Amino acid sequence: MRKCMAAGLLALLVSACALDARTGIAVGAGVAVAAGDRDGDGMLDAAEVQALVEKVFPPAKLTGGFWDGMRAALTAAYWARDLDHDGKLRIAELAR
């Protein structure tokens, strides 16, 4: 179900980009949450963000200081959007 939802959101993202950038960003945020939300609460927690980051930069394949830095930078970029500092990322926060 989640893969189907993510695929649908991805298709919506592609078509939304033709509308305007803000819509595309909002849909992209929805895709990120749909792809990474393991517990189904509609938000990303620390473990879910870490899993997304490791999907992009897998530590088993990409080793060394440079890749550790890339993972840290991407993780920090996610958490910079946690506007209410509750340790959960909502679609609205990711879309800002």
C-alpha atoms as a PDB file:
ATOM      1  CA  MET A   1       0.000   0.000   0.000  1.00  0.00           C
ATOM      2  CA  ARG A   2       2.726   2.478   0.987  1.00  0.00           C
ATOM      3  CA  LYS A   3       4.671   1.816  -2.243  1.00  0.00           C
ATOM      4  CA  CYS A   4       1.515   2.387  -4.259  1.00  0.00           C
ATOM      5  CA  MET A   5       0.840   5.629  -2.373  1.00  0.00           C
ATOM      6  CA  ALA A   6       4.411   6.820  -2.893  1.00  0.00           C
ATOM      7  CA  ALA A   7       4.212   6.001  -6.605  1.00  0.00           C
ATOM      8  CA  GLY A   8       0.975   7.958  -6.888  1.00  0.00           C
ATOM      9  CA  LEU A   9       2.468  10.914  -5.059  1.00  0.00           C
ATOM     10  CA  LEU A  10       5.533  10.787  -7.293  1.00  0.00           C
ATOM     11  CA  ALA A  11       3.305  10.922 -10.370  1.00  0.00           C
ATOM     12  CA  LEU A  12       1.493  13.873  -8.819  1.00  0.00           C
ATOM     13  CA  LEU A  13       4.842  15.564  -8.153  1.00  0.00           C
ATOM     14  CA  VAL A  14       5.830  15.294 -11.799  1.00  0.00           C
ATOM     15  CA  SER A  15       2.557  16.845 -12.940  1.00  0.00           C
ATOM     16  CA  ALA A  16       2.568  19.428 -10.125  1.00  0.00           C
ATOM     17  CA  CYS A  17       5.910  20.794 -11.297  1.00  0.00           C
ATOM     18  CA  ALA A  18       4.114  22.009 -14.406  1.00  0.00           C
ATOM     19  CA  LEU A  19       1.800  24.080 -12.178  1.00  0.00           C
ATOM     20  CA  ASP A  20       4.250  25.966  -9.929  1.00  0.00           C
ATOM     21  CA  ALA A  21       7.332  25.393  -7.808  1.00  0.00           C
ATOM     22  CA  ARG A  22       5.521  25.755  -4.471  1.00  0.00           C
ATOM     23  CA  THR A  23       3.076  22.990  -5.370  1.00  0.00           C
ATOM     24  CA  GLY A  24       5.942  20.783  -6.516  1.00  0.00           C
ATOM     25  CA  ILE A  25       7.774  21.303  -3.212  1.00  0.00           C
ATOM     26  CA  ALA A  26       4.645  20.496  -1.202  1.00  0.00           C
ATOM     27  CA  VAL A  27       4.027  17.307  -3.165  1.00  0.00           C
ATOM     28  CA  GLY A  28       7.702  16.338  -2.839  1.00  0.00           C
ATOM     29  CA  ALA A  29       7.406  16.715   0.928  1.00  0.00           C
ATOM     30  CA  GLY A  30       4.414  14.392   0.837  1.00  0.00           C
ATOM     31  CA  VAL A  31       6.393  11.853  -1.159  1.00  0.00           C
ATOM     32  CA  ALA A  32       9.253  11.976   1.375  1.00  0.00           C
ATOM     33  CA  VAL A  33       6.872  11.361   4.268  1.00  0.00           C
ATOM     34  CA  ALA A  34       4.976   8.617   2.410  1.00  0.00           C
ATOM     35  CA  ALA A  35       8.238   6.873   1.528  1.00  0.00           C
ATOM     36  CA  GLY A  36       9.786   7.129   4.979  1.00  0.00           C
ATOM     37  CA  ASP A  37       6.898   6.964   7.450  1.00  0.00           C
ATOM     38  CA  ARG A  38       7.280   3.448   8.857  1.00  0.00           C
ATOM     39  CA  ASP A  39       4.800   3.755  11.734  1.00  0.00           C
ATOM     40  CA  GLY A  40       2.026   5.414   9.726  1.00  0.00           C
ATOM     41  CA  ASP A  41       1.653   8.516  11.898  1.00  0.00           C
ATOM     42  CA  GLY A  42       2.035  10.893   8.942  1.00  0.00           C
ATOM     43  CA  MET A  43       5.323  12.292  10.239  1.00  0.00           C
ATOM     44  CA  LEU A  44       9.018  11.392  10.194  1.00  0.00           C
ATOM     45  CA  ASP A  45      10.816  10.673  13.465  1.00  0.00           C
ATOM     46  CA  ALA A  46      14.580  10.403  14.008  1.00  0.00           C
ATOM     47  CA  ALA A  47      14.784   6.719  13.048  1.00  0.00           C
ATOM     48  CA  GLU A  48      12.732   7.297   9.889  1.00  0.00           C
ATOM     49  CA  VAL A  49      14.874  10.267   8.832  1.00  0.00           C
ATOM     50  CA  GLN A  50      18.008   8.209   9.448  1.00  0.00           C
ATOM     51  CA  ALA A  51      16.622   5.385   7.301  1.00  0.00           C
ATOM     52  CA  LEU A  52      15.877   7.832   4.460  1.00  0.00           C
ATOM     53  CA  VAL A  53      19.375   9.323   4.677  1.00  0.00           C
ATOM     54  CA  GLU A  54      20.956   5.861   4.664  1.00  0.00           C
ATOM     55  CA  LYS A  55      18.871   4.928   1.617  1.00  0.00           C
ATOM     56  CA  VAL A  56      20.381   7.861  -0.264  1.00  0.00           C
ATOM     57  CA  PHE A  57      23.926   7.392   1.083  1.00  0.00           C
ATOM     58  CA  PRO A  58      24.165   3.724   2.220  1.00  0.00           C
ATOM     59  CA  PRO A  59      26.926   3.430   4.844  1.00  0.00           C
ATOM     60  CA  ALA A  60      27.754  -0.136   3.791  1.00  0.00           C
ATOM     61  CA  LYS A  61      28.671   1.050   0.286  1.00  0.00           C
ATOM     62  CA  LEU A  62      29.722   4.661   0.825  1.00  0.00           C
ATOM     63  CA  THR A  63      32.367   4.742   3.540  1.00  0.00           C
ATOM     64  CA  GLY A  64      34.795   7.318   4.809  1.00  0.00           C
ATOM     65  CA  GLY A  65      34.777  10.843   6.100  1.00  0.00           C
ATOM     66  CA  PHE A  66      33.307  12.438   2.983  1.00  0.00           C
ATOM     67  CA  TRP A  67      30.247  10.156   3.030  1.00  0.00           C
ATOM     68  CA  ASP A  68      29.856  10.475   6.793  1.00  0.00           C
ATOM     69  CA  GLY A  69      29.775  14.226   6.237  1.00  0.00           C
ATOM     70  CA  MET A  70      27.185  13.903   3.471  1.00  0.00           C
ATOM     71  CA  ARG A  71      24.936  11.831   5.735  1.00  0.00           C
ATOM     72  CA  ALA A  72      25.373  14.330   8.569  1.00  0.00           C
ATOM     73  CA  ALA A  73      24.631  17.290   6.281  1.00  0.00           C
ATOM     74  CA  LEU A  74      21.474  15.700   4.871  1.00  0.00           C
ATOM     75  CA  THR A  75      20.282  14.755   8.357  1.00  0.00           C
ATOM     76  CA  ALA A  76      20.910  18.325   9.560  1.00  0.00           C
ATOM     77  CA  ALA A  77      19.007  19.708   6.566  1.00  0.00           C
ATOM     78  CA  TYR A  78      15.978  17.616   7.510  1.00  0.00           C
ATOM     79  CA  TRP A  79      16.075  18.698  11.157  1.00  0.00           C
ATOM     80  CA  ALA A  80      16.515  22.373  10.246  1.00  0.00           C
ATOM     81  CA  ARG A  81      12.903  22.153   9.072  1.00  0.00           C
ATOM     82  CA  ASP A  82      11.558  20.941  12.431  1.00  0.00           C
ATOM     83  CA  LEU A  83       9.889  24.267  13.160  1.00  0.00           C
ATOM     84  CA  ASP A  84       8.300  23.331  16.475  1.00  0.00           C
ATOM     85  CA  HIS A  85      11.342  21.314  17.637  1.00  0.00           C
ATOM     86  CA  ASP A  86       9.235  18.316  18.625  1.00  0.00           C
ATOM     87  CA  GLY A  87      11.478  15.738  16.954  1.00  0.00           C
ATOM     88  CA  LYS A  88       8.879  14.973  14.265  1.00  0.00           C
ATOM     89  CA  LEU A  89       8.808  16.280  10.708  1.00  0.00           C
ATOM     90  CA  ARG A  90       5.417  16.988   9.169  1.00  0.00           C
ATOM     91  CA  ILE A  91       4.678  17.539   5.497  1.00  0.00           C
ATOM     92  CA  ALA A  92       4.028  21.250   6.156  1.00  0.00           C
ATOM     93  CA  GLU A  93       7.459  21.615   7.785  1.00  0.00           C
ATOM     94  CA  LEU A  94       9.245  19.851   4.949  1.00  0.00           C
ATOM     95  CA  ALA A  95       7.369  21.925   2.370  1.00  0.00           C
ATOM     96  CA  ARG A  96       8.414  25.307   3.761  1.00  0.00           C
END
